[in-house]
Amino acid sequence: MIVAYAAIPYKTPWCVLGFLHAMILLAGVGGARLIEISPAGLGRSLAAVLIGAAVAHLGWLAWAGSVRFASDPRNPWVYAHTGTGVFEIARRVEALSRAHPQHAAMPIEVISGENLWPLPWYLRRFSAVRWETAPVNDGCTPP
């Protein structure tokens, strides 16, 4: 499985999950074996400290990847790099809809050639959203 996924040029983070469980079990067996074959006393203590340091480092990497750099484009494990600016856009549109006479039926026009996800999720309650890849001059200009 590892070789097959390594050969595929298109990578997605969840491809790792298929063989990750086996790798975790293998690492546990390897760590136990390393401690077992180490000389008693200081050798085993040193092996346990090194394994503990490696586990702590992996824990820090997991935290950094899922909390600190959760939406950072530099994080290779994030599939869709959604910036935190989407929340500000959603808040502003919500505020505008409260002030608009049509509220959730307020006309909204979104123009972008990029992938807009998750913006459609945050604008799902609005009934008059137009999604365009270029400006449209059809006489219907949203406020």
Protein backbone atom coordinates (compact mmCIF):
# COMPACT_ATOMS: atom_id res chain seq x y z
CA MET A 1 0.00 0.00 0.00
CA ILE A 2 2.83 2.40 0.85
CA VAL A 3 4.56 1.75 -2.47
CA ALA A 4 1.31 2.23 -4.42
CA TYR A 5 0.56 5.59 -2.76
CA ALA A 6 4.17 6.70 -3.16
CA ALA A 7 3.87 6.10 -6.92
CA ILE A 8 0.68 8.19 -7.28
CA PRO A 9 1.58 11.82 -8.08
CA TYR A 10 -1.66 13.23 -6.61
CA LYS A 11 -1.45 13.09 -2.81
CA THR A 12 -4.20 13.58 -0.27
CA PRO A 13 -3.59 13.35 3.47
CA TRP A 14 -6.22 10.69 4.12
CA CYS A 15 -4.36 8.24 1.87
CA VAL A 16 -1.94 7.80 4.78
CA LEU A 17 -4.67 6.49 7.08
CA GLY A 18 -4.82 3.09 5.38
CA PHE A 19 -1.37 2.06 6.51
CA LEU A 20 -0.88 4.46 9.44
CA HIS A 21 -2.39 2.07 11.99
CA ALA A 22 0.01 -0.69 10.98
CA MET A 23 2.94 1.73 11.20
CA ILE A 24 1.91 2.82 14.71
CA LEU A 25 1.73 -0.80 15.88
CA LEU A 26 5.07 -1.55 14.22
CA ALA A 27 6.65 1.47 15.94
CA GLY A 28 5.32 0.26 19.31
CA VAL A 29 6.74 -3.22 18.75
CA GLY A 30 10.05 -1.69 17.62
CA GLY A 31 10.23 0.58 20.68
CA ALA A 32 9.49 -2.30 23.05
CA ARG A 33 12.11 -4.44 21.31
CA LEU A 34 14.68 -1.61 21.51
CA ILE A 35 14.16 -1.32 25.27
CA GLU A 36 14.24 -5.11 25.62
CA ILE A 37 17.60 -5.53 23.85
CA SER A 38 19.20 -2.52 25.59
CA PRO A 39 21.59 -3.31 28.44
CA ALA A 40 19.89 -3.29 31.84
CA GLY A 41 20.08 -0.14 33.93
CA LEU A 42 21.39 2.97 32.20
CA GLY A 43 21.03 1.54 28.67
CA ARG A 44 17.33 0.81 29.07
CA SER A 45 16.73 4.16 30.74
CA LEU A 46 18.47 5.96 27.87
CA ALA A 47 16.43 4.01 25.29
CA ALA A 48 13.20 4.87 27.14
CA VAL A 49 14.16 8.57 27.31
CA LEU A 50 14.97 8.67 23.58
CA ILE A 51 11.68 6.95 22.70
CA GLY A 52 9.83 9.35 25.03
CA ALA A 53 11.51 12.34 23.34
CA ALA A 54 10.52 11.00 19.91
CA VAL A 55 6.90 10.53 21.05
CA ALA A 56 6.85 14.06 22.54
CA HIS A 57 8.19 15.48 19.27
CA LEU A 58 5.50 13.66 17.28
CA GLY A 59 2.88 14.98 19.69
CA TRP A 60 4.15 18.53 19.19
CA LEU A 61 4.04 18.08 15.40
CA ALA A 62 0.46 16.78 15.61
CA TRP A 63 -0.56 19.79 17.72
CA ALA A 64 1.19 22.27 15.42
CA GLY A 65 -0.37 20.73 12.31
CA SER A 66 -3.90 20.65 13.69
CA VAL A 67 -4.00 23.80 15.86
CA ARG A 68 -1.24 26.32 15.22
CA PHE A 69 -1.01 25.83 11.43
CA ALA A 70 -4.52 24.45 10.87
CA SER A 71 -5.29 26.77 7.94
CA ASP A 72 -1.77 27.78 6.96
CA PRO A 73 -0.91 27.15 3.28
CA ARG A 74 2.53 25.93 4.38
CA ASN A 75 0.89 22.96 6.14
CA PRO A 76 1.13 20.03 3.69
CA TRP A 77 -1.52 18.02 5.56
CA VAL A 78 -4.34 20.53 5.06
CA TYR A 79 -6.26 19.51 1.96
CA ALA A 80 -8.10 22.79 1.32
CA HIS A 81 -6.20 25.75 2.65
CA THR A 82 -9.06 27.87 3.93
CA GLY A 83 -7.88 31.10 5.42
CA THR A 84 -9.47 32.52 8.53
CA GLY A 85 -10.71 35.50 6.45
CA VAL A 86 -13.79 33.47 5.48
CA PHE A 87 -15.19 34.08 8.98
CA GLU A 88 -14.86 37.86 8.56
CA ILE A 89 -16.62 37.67 5.18
CA ALA A 90 -19.46 35.63 6.71
CA ARG A 91 -19.81 38.08 9.63
CA ARG A 92 -19.96 41.09 7.29
CA VAL A 93 -22.54 39.50 4.99
CA GLU A 94 -24.65 38.57 8.03
CA ALA A 95 -24.46 42.16 9.31
CA LEU A 96 -25.40 43.54 5.89
CA SER A 97 -28.36 41.18 5.63
CA ARG A 98 -29.70 42.38 8.97
CA ALA A 99 -29.64 45.97 7.64
CA HIS A 100 -31.02 45.10 4.18
CA PRO A 101 -34.82 45.18 3.71
CA GLN A 102 -34.82 41.70 2.11
CA HIS A 103 -32.67 40.16 4.88
CA ALA A 104 -31.69 36.58 3.80
CA ALA A 105 -33.15 37.18 0.32
CA MET A 106 -30.70 40.07 -0.22
CA PRO A 107 -29.00 39.74 -3.65
CA ILE A 108 -25.36 38.66 -3.35
CA GLU A 109 -22.93 38.27 -6.23
CA VAL A 110 -19.67 36.40 -5.72
CA ILE A 111 -17.12 36.71 -8.53
CA SER A 112 -13.99 34.57 -8.47
CA GLY A 113 -12.11 32.17 -10.70
CA GLU A 114 -10.83 30.31 -7.65
CA ASN A 115 -12.31 27.52 -5.58
CA LEU A 116 -14.57 29.33 -3.12
CA TRP A 117 -15.19 26.54 -0.64
CA PRO A 118 -16.20 26.88 2.23
CA LEU A 119 -17.88 30.21 1.37
CA PRO A 120 -20.95 28.43 -0.10
CA TRP A 121 -21.39 26.71 3.25
CA TYR A 122 -21.38 30.00 5.16
CA LEU A 123 -23.74 31.66 2.67
CA ARG A 124 -26.12 28.70 2.43
CA ARG A 125 -28.99 30.47 4.21
CA PHE A 126 -29.05 33.26 1.60
CA SER A 127 -31.42 32.53 -1.27
CA ALA A 128 -30.18 35.05 -3.87
CA VAL A 129 -26.47 34.25 -4.19
CA ARG A 130 -24.99 34.28 -7.71
CA TRP A 131 -21.66 32.54 -8.26
CA GLU A 132 -19.77 33.89 -11.28
CA THR A 133 -16.25 33.39 -12.63
CA ALA A 134 -16.21 36.87 -14.25
CA PRO A 135 -18.23 40.06 -13.92
CA VAL A 136 -21.61 39.85 -15.67
CA ASN A 137 -23.16 42.97 -17.20
CA ASP A 138 -26.80 41.93 -17.30
CA GLY A 139 -28.28 45.00 -15.58
CA CYS A 140 -28.85 43.12 -12.32
CA THR A 141 -26.30 44.58 -9.94
CA PRO A 142 -26.56 43.49 -6.31
CA PRO A 143 -26.33 46.23 -3.70
